[in-house]
Amino acid sequence: MALKLITAPTAEPVTTGEVKVACRIDGTEFDVLLPILISAARALAEQKTGRAFGQQTWAWSKEAFPAAIYLPNPPLVSITKVEYYDTANVKQELANTEYTVDAEAIPAVIVPAKGKSWPSTYDRPGAVRIEYQCGHAAADAELAQLKQWIILAVATWIKNPEVVSGESLSELPRTFVDGLLDYYRVYA
């Protein structure tokens, strides 16, 4: 299985203004650095939880159709397209009537529709490709704990620049702050 980010989130769960208020930053000395740190903290939270924060587009690919397809980076927003190379090595798009999606499952799962089966594919890498949108909306009310974690991570990096330049936050011992992400963690 291969995953490729097609479109990154256009909005972060936390704004630079929120971080400035929480960190009591009055000036503009961190204005260039804050968006970078916020984005890095969101990406680290995604890595730690297995979820996507901020709506994103991903491509999932595999050599053939498995019995069930589990799409990483929940929650699933929509399936953009399901493509495959048929036995003649011609790219085809699978109609959405050919499969069923359980978007509520974590992670989302795609299976053939009732009475249907996956088509045969050509023997090649990436014979099956699914493009999909996923991620919590940046303004999602359920993200309060995530927002707090991001603010604390950014504040830690600002107050302790050696963490940014040397030891990474993911290498620090687990703390109460990391527990804020437990609610979002995907166990699959």
C-alpha atoms as a PDB file:
ATOM      1  CA  MET A   1       0.000   0.000   0.000  1.00  0.00           C
ATOM      2  CA  ALA A   2       1.221   3.471  -0.841  1.00  0.00           C
ATOM      3  CA  LEU A   3      -0.123   6.793   0.392  1.00  0.00           C
ATOM      4  CA  LYS A   4       0.484  10.178  -1.177  1.00  0.00           C
ATOM      5  CA  LEU A   5      -0.697  13.569   0.024  1.00  0.00           C
ATOM      6  CA  ILE A   6      -2.347  15.369  -2.895  1.00  0.00           C
ATOM      7  CA  THR A   7      -3.664  18.502  -1.173  1.00  0.00           C
ATOM      8  CA  ALA A   8      -2.562  19.662   2.276  1.00  0.00           C
ATOM      9  CA  PRO A   9      -4.985  21.387   4.657  1.00  0.00           C
ATOM     10  CA  THR A  10      -5.628  25.024   3.823  1.00  0.00           C
ATOM     11  CA  ALA A  11      -6.446  25.938   7.430  1.00  0.00           C
ATOM     12  CA  GLU A  12      -4.806  24.902  10.682  1.00  0.00           C
ATOM     13  CA  PRO A  13      -6.836  23.961  13.790  1.00  0.00           C
ATOM     14  CA  VAL A  14      -5.107  26.778  15.702  1.00  0.00           C
ATOM     15  CA  THR A  15      -4.472  30.334  14.526  1.00  0.00           C
ATOM     16  CA  THR A  16      -1.352  32.375  15.164  1.00  0.00           C
ATOM     17  CA  GLY A  17      -3.566  34.774  17.134  1.00  0.00           C
ATOM     18  CA  GLU A  18      -4.660  31.999  19.488  1.00  0.00           C
ATOM     19  CA  VAL A  19      -1.045  30.957  20.061  1.00  0.00           C
ATOM     20  CA  LYS A  20       0.027  34.562  20.658  1.00  0.00           C
ATOM     21  CA  VAL A  21      -2.702  35.030  23.277  1.00  0.00           C
ATOM     22  CA  ALA A  22      -1.883  31.718  25.010  1.00  0.00           C
ATOM     23  CA  CYS A  23       1.864  32.419  24.987  1.00  0.00           C
ATOM     24  CA  ARG A  24       1.438  36.091  25.897  1.00  0.00           C
ATOM     25  CA  ILE A  25       3.292  37.252  22.791  1.00  0.00           C
ATOM     26  CA  ASP A  26       2.630  40.932  22.100  1.00  0.00           C
ATOM     27  CA  GLY A  27       5.140  41.732  19.368  1.00  0.00           C
ATOM     28  CA  THR A  28       5.778  40.469  15.874  1.00  0.00           C
ATOM     29  CA  GLU A  29       9.076  38.683  16.562  1.00  0.00           C
ATOM     30  CA  PHE A  30       7.499  35.210  16.099  1.00  0.00           C
ATOM     31  CA  ASP A  31       5.088  36.058  13.246  1.00  0.00           C
ATOM     32  CA  VAL A  32       7.149  34.207  10.632  1.00  0.00           C
ATOM     33  CA  LEU A  33       7.913  31.223  12.874  1.00  0.00           C
ATOM     34  CA  LEU A  34       4.444  30.611  14.382  1.00  0.00           C
ATOM     35  CA  PRO A  35       2.701  29.305  11.226  1.00  0.00           C
ATOM     36  CA  ILE A  36       5.597  26.880  10.683  1.00  0.00           C
ATOM     37  CA  LEU A  37       5.452  25.618  14.276  1.00  0.00           C
ATOM     38  CA  ILE A  38       1.644  25.305  14.188  1.00  0.00           C
ATOM     39  CA  SER A  39       1.837  23.257  10.986  1.00  0.00           C
ATOM     40  CA  ALA A  40       4.606  21.078  12.448  1.00  0.00           C
ATOM     41  CA  ALA A  41       2.594  20.505  15.641  1.00  0.00           C
ATOM     42  CA  ARG A  42      -0.497  19.520  13.627  1.00  0.00           C
ATOM     43  CA  ALA A  43       1.585  17.095  11.552  1.00  0.00           C
ATOM     44  CA  LEU A  44       3.069  15.579  14.716  1.00  0.00           C
ATOM     45  CA  ALA A  45      -0.429  15.225  16.216  1.00  0.00           C
ATOM     46  CA  GLU A  46      -1.518  13.461  13.015  1.00  0.00           C
ATOM     47  CA  GLN A  47       1.441  11.100  13.298  1.00  0.00           C
ATOM     48  CA  LYS A  48       0.708  10.352  16.964  1.00  0.00           C
ATOM     49  CA  THR A  49      -3.037   9.791  16.463  1.00  0.00           C
ATOM     50  CA  GLY A  50      -3.367   8.361  12.950  1.00  0.00           C
ATOM     51  CA  ARG A  51      -5.985  11.017  12.108  1.00  0.00           C
ATOM     52  CA  ALA A  52      -6.076  13.967   9.728  1.00  0.00           C
ATOM     53  CA  PHE A  53      -6.675  17.416  11.194  1.00  0.00           C
ATOM     54  CA  GLY A  54      -7.761  19.918   8.574  1.00  0.00           C
ATOM     55  CA  GLN A  55      -9.344  18.715   5.347  1.00  0.00           C
ATOM     56  CA  GLN A  56      -6.868  17.039   3.003  1.00  0.00           C
ATOM     57  CA  THR A  57      -6.821  14.983  -0.176  1.00  0.00           C
ATOM     58  CA  TRP A  58      -4.892  11.705  -0.272  1.00  0.00           C
ATOM     59  CA  ALA A  59      -4.244   8.982  -2.827  1.00  0.00           C
ATOM     60  CA  TRP A  60      -4.153   5.343  -1.688  1.00  0.00           C
ATOM     61  CA  SER A  61      -2.776   2.750  -4.089  1.00  0.00           C
ATOM     62  CA  LYS A  62      -2.090  -0.961  -4.172  1.00  0.00           C
ATOM     63  CA  GLU A  63      -1.178  -3.693  -6.671  1.00  0.00           C
ATOM     64  CA  ALA A  64      -4.688  -5.246  -6.599  1.00  0.00           C
ATOM     65  CA  PHE A  65      -8.026  -4.897  -4.834  1.00  0.00           C
ATOM     66  CA  PRO A  66      -7.966  -6.430  -1.339  1.00  0.00           C
ATOM     67  CA  ALA A  67     -11.191  -7.890   0.085  1.00  0.00           C
ATOM     68  CA  ALA A  68     -11.735  -4.690   2.072  1.00  0.00           C
ATOM     69  CA  ILE A  69      -9.948  -1.363   1.697  1.00  0.00           C
ATOM     70  CA  TYR A  70      -9.178   0.562   4.872  1.00  0.00           C
ATOM     71  CA  LEU A  71      -8.464   4.233   4.239  1.00  0.00           C
ATOM     72  CA  PRO A  72      -6.003   5.853   6.639  1.00  0.00           C
ATOM     73  CA  ASN A  73      -6.279   9.364   8.077  1.00  0.00           C
ATOM     74  CA  PRO A  74      -9.854   9.401   9.382  1.00  0.00           C
ATOM     75  CA  PRO A  75     -12.383  10.814   9.336  1.00  0.00           C
ATOM     76  CA  LEU A  76     -13.326  10.178   5.710  1.00  0.00           C
ATOM     77  CA  VAL A  77     -15.108  13.114   4.066  1.00  0.00           C
ATOM     78  CA  SER A  78     -15.635  11.710   0.568  1.00  0.00           C
ATOM     79  CA  ILE A  79     -14.280   9.413  -2.118  1.00  0.00           C
ATOM     80  CA  THR A  80     -13.199  11.461  -5.141  1.00  0.00           C
ATOM     81  CA  LYS A  81     -12.535   8.506  -7.448  1.00  0.00           C
ATOM     82  CA  VAL A  82     -11.628   4.843  -7.568  1.00  0.00           C
ATOM     83  CA  GLU A  83      -9.407   3.946 -10.524  1.00  0.00           C
ATOM     84  CA  TYR A  84      -7.797   0.702 -11.606  1.00  0.00           C
ATOM     85  CA  TYR A  85      -5.895  -0.776 -14.521  1.00  0.00           C
ATOM     86  CA  ASP A  86      -7.957  -3.556 -16.091  1.00  0.00           C
ATOM     87  CA  THR A  87      -6.477  -6.824 -17.356  1.00  0.00           C
ATOM     88  CA  ALA A  88      -5.573  -5.092 -20.655  1.00  0.00           C
ATOM     89  CA  ASN A  89      -3.600  -2.446 -18.681  1.00  0.00           C
ATOM     90  CA  VAL A  90      -6.151   0.282 -19.515  1.00  0.00           C
ATOM     91  CA  LYS A  91      -7.045   2.766 -16.772  1.00  0.00           C
ATOM     92  CA  GLN A  92     -10.715   2.548 -15.736  1.00  0.00           C
ATOM     93  CA  GLU A  93     -12.786   4.475 -13.217  1.00  0.00           C
ATOM     94  CA  LEU A  94     -15.027   2.368 -10.996  1.00  0.00           C
ATOM     95  CA  ALA A  95     -18.607   3.671 -10.672  1.00  0.00           C
ATOM     96  CA  ASN A  96     -19.650   4.468  -7.110  1.00  0.00           C
ATOM     97  CA  THR A  97     -22.502   1.958  -7.489  1.00  0.00           C
ATOM     98  CA  GLU A  98     -19.885  -0.820  -7.571  1.00  0.00           C
ATOM     99  CA  TYR A  99     -18.726  -0.320  -3.980  1.00  0.00           C
ATOM    100  CA  THR A 100     -20.021   0.533  -0.527  1.00  0.00           C
ATOM    101  CA  VAL A 101     -18.294   2.907   1.870  1.00  0.00           C
ATOM    102  CA  ASP A 102     -18.597   2.848   5.647  1.00  0.00           C
ATOM    103  CA  ALA A 103     -17.387   6.366   6.366  1.00  0.00           C
ATOM    104  CA  GLU A 104     -18.359   6.073  10.048  1.00  0.00           C
ATOM    105  CA  ALA A 105     -15.836   3.283  10.635  1.00  0.00           C
ATOM    106  CA  ILE A 106     -12.449   4.321  11.991  1.00  0.00           C
ATOM    107  CA  PRO A 107     -10.665   3.912   9.625  1.00  0.00           C
ATOM    108  CA  ALA A 108     -13.243   4.084   6.822  1.00  0.00           C
ATOM    109  CA  VAL A 109     -13.735   0.857   4.887  1.00  0.00           C
ATOM    110  CA  ILE A 110     -14.677   0.226   1.252  1.00  0.00           C
ATOM    111  CA  VAL A 111     -16.061  -3.131   0.105  1.00  0.00           C
ATOM    112  CA  PRO A 112     -17.750  -4.283  -3.095  1.00  0.00           C
ATOM    113  CA  ALA A 113     -21.466  -3.446  -3.258  1.00  0.00           C
ATOM    114  CA  LYS A 114     -23.879  -6.261  -2.429  1.00  0.00           C
ATOM    115  CA  GLY A 115     -23.792  -8.864  -5.193  1.00  0.00           C
ATOM    116  CA  LYS A 116     -20.689  -7.287  -6.770  1.00  0.00           C
ATOM    117  CA  SER A 117     -16.997  -8.143  -6.700  1.00  0.00           C
ATOM    118  CA  TRP A 118     -13.856  -6.189  -7.364  1.00  0.00           C
ATOM    119  CA  PRO A 119     -12.731  -6.210 -11.008  1.00  0.00           C
ATOM    120  CA  SER A 120      -9.588  -8.072 -12.031  1.00  0.00           C
ATOM    121  CA  THR A 121      -6.531  -5.875 -12.439  1.00  0.00           C
ATOM    122  CA  TYR A 122      -3.384  -5.863 -14.485  1.00  0.00           C
ATOM    123  CA  ASP A 123      -0.304  -7.119 -12.614  1.00  0.00           C
ATOM    124  CA  ARG A 124       1.497  -3.843 -11.936  1.00  0.00           C
ATOM    125  CA  PRO A 125       2.376  -1.567  -9.031  1.00  0.00           C
ATOM    126  CA  GLY A 126      -0.408   0.872  -8.246  1.00  0.00           C
ATOM    127  CA  ALA A 127      -3.015  -1.020 -10.266  1.00  0.00           C
ATOM    128  CA  VAL A 128      -5.686   0.292  -7.873  1.00  0.00           C
ATOM    129  CA  ARG A 129      -5.788   3.966  -6.857  1.00  0.00           C
ATOM    130  CA  ILE A 130      -8.314   5.695  -4.631  1.00  0.00           C
ATOM    131  CA  GLU A 131      -8.350   9.439  -4.220  1.00  0.00           C
ATOM    132  CA  TYR A 132     -10.241  10.669  -1.179  1.00  0.00           C
ATOM    133  CA  GLN A 133     -10.791  13.658   1.064  1.00  0.00           C
ATOM    134  CA  CYS A 134     -10.417  13.276   4.782  1.00  0.00           C
ATOM    135  CA  GLY A 135      -9.797  15.175   7.973  1.00  0.00           C
ATOM    136  CA  HIS A 136     -11.552  17.020  10.733  1.00  0.00           C
ATOM    137  CA  ALA A 137     -12.629  20.513   9.715  1.00  0.00           C
ATOM    138  CA  ALA A 138     -10.340  23.081  11.328  1.00  0.00           C
ATOM    139  CA  ALA A 139     -13.328  24.625  13.143  1.00  0.00           C
ATOM    140  CA  ASP A 140     -14.620  21.263  14.477  1.00  0.00           C
ATOM    141  CA  ALA A 141     -15.860  21.695  18.058  1.00  0.00           C
ATOM    142  CA  GLU A 142     -14.467  18.233  18.932  1.00  0.00           C
ATOM    143  CA  LEU A 143     -10.918  19.530  18.496  1.00  0.00           C
ATOM    144  CA  ALA A 144     -10.623  21.410  21.803  1.00  0.00           C
ATOM    145  CA  GLN A 145      -8.074  18.963  23.250  1.00  0.00           C
ATOM    146  CA  LEU A 146      -6.100  18.918  20.004  1.00  0.00           C
ATOM    147  CA  LYS A 147      -6.010  22.724  19.931  1.00  0.00           C
ATOM    148  CA  GLN A 148      -4.710  22.771  23.489  1.00  0.00           C
ATOM    149  CA  TRP A 149      -2.036  20.196  22.595  1.00  0.00           C
ATOM    150  CA  ILE A 150      -0.917  22.220  19.568  1.00  0.00           C
ATOM    151  CA  ILE A 151      -0.739  25.420  21.613  1.00  0.00           C
ATOM    152  CA  LEU A 152       1.297  23.664  24.324  1.00  0.00           C
ATOM    153  CA  ALA A 153       3.626  22.086  21.732  1.00  0.00           C
ATOM    154  CA  VAL A 154       4.225  25.450  20.031  1.00  0.00           C
ATOM    155  CA  ALA A 155       4.716  27.157  23.408  1.00  0.00           C
ATOM    156  CA  THR A 156       7.259  24.469  24.358  1.00  0.00           C
ATOM    157  CA  TRP A 157       9.160  24.980  21.113  1.00  0.00           C
ATOM    158  CA  ILE A 158       9.164  28.780  21.576  1.00  0.00           C
ATOM    159  CA  LYS A 159      10.254  28.628  25.223  1.00  0.00           C
ATOM    160  CA  ASN A 160      12.802  25.837  24.589  1.00  0.00           C
ATOM    161  CA  PRO A 161      14.373  26.400  21.155  1.00  0.00           C
ATOM    162  CA  GLU A 162      16.818  23.572  21.805  1.00  0.00           C
ATOM    163  CA  VAL A 163      13.879  21.150  21.456  1.00  0.00           C
ATOM    164  CA  VAL A 164      13.303  22.389  17.912  1.00  0.00           C
ATOM    165  CA  SER A 165      16.965  22.302  16.909  1.00  0.00           C
ATOM    166  CA  GLY A 166      17.983  19.132  18.749  1.00  0.00           C
ATOM    167  CA  GLU A 167      15.779  16.616  20.488  1.00  0.00           C
ATOM    168  CA  SER A 168      12.360  16.346  18.830  1.00  0.00           C
ATOM    169  CA  LEU A 169       9.123  16.628  20.761  1.00  0.00           C
ATOM    170  CA  SER A 170       8.266  13.043  19.797  1.00  0.00           C
ATOM    171  CA  GLU A 171      11.383  11.880  21.671  1.00  0.00           C
ATOM    172  CA  LEU A 172      10.390  13.608  24.907  1.00  0.00           C
ATOM    173  CA  PRO A 173       8.829  11.457  27.650  1.00  0.00           C
ATOM    174  CA  ARG A 174       5.040  11.051  27.560  1.00  0.00           C
ATOM    175  CA  THR A 175       3.377  13.709  29.645  1.00  0.00           C
ATOM    176  CA  PHE A 176      -0.080  14.867  30.607  1.00  0.00           C
ATOM    177  CA  VAL A 177       0.023  17.023  27.489  1.00  0.00           C
ATOM    178  CA  ASP A 178       0.362  13.932  25.265  1.00  0.00           C
ATOM    179  CA  GLY A 179      -2.700  12.521  27.011  1.00  0.00           C
ATOM    180  CA  LEU A 180      -4.726  15.293  25.364  1.00  0.00           C
ATOM    181  CA  LEU A 181      -4.328  13.383  22.085  1.00  0.00           C
ATOM    182  CA  ASP A 182      -5.595  10.035  23.444  1.00  0.00           C
ATOM    183  CA  TYR A 183      -9.209  10.883  22.534  1.00  0.00           C
ATOM    184  CA  TYR A 184      -8.243  11.136  18.848  1.00  0.00           C
ATOM    185  CA  ARG A 185      -5.909   8.121  18.620  1.00  0.00           C
ATOM    186  CA  VAL A 186      -6.859   5.491  16.026  1.00  0.00           C
ATOM    187  CA  TYR A 187      -6.324   1.922  17.169  1.00  0.00           C
ATOM    188  CA  ALA A 188      -6.532  -0.204  14.031  1.00  0.00           C
END
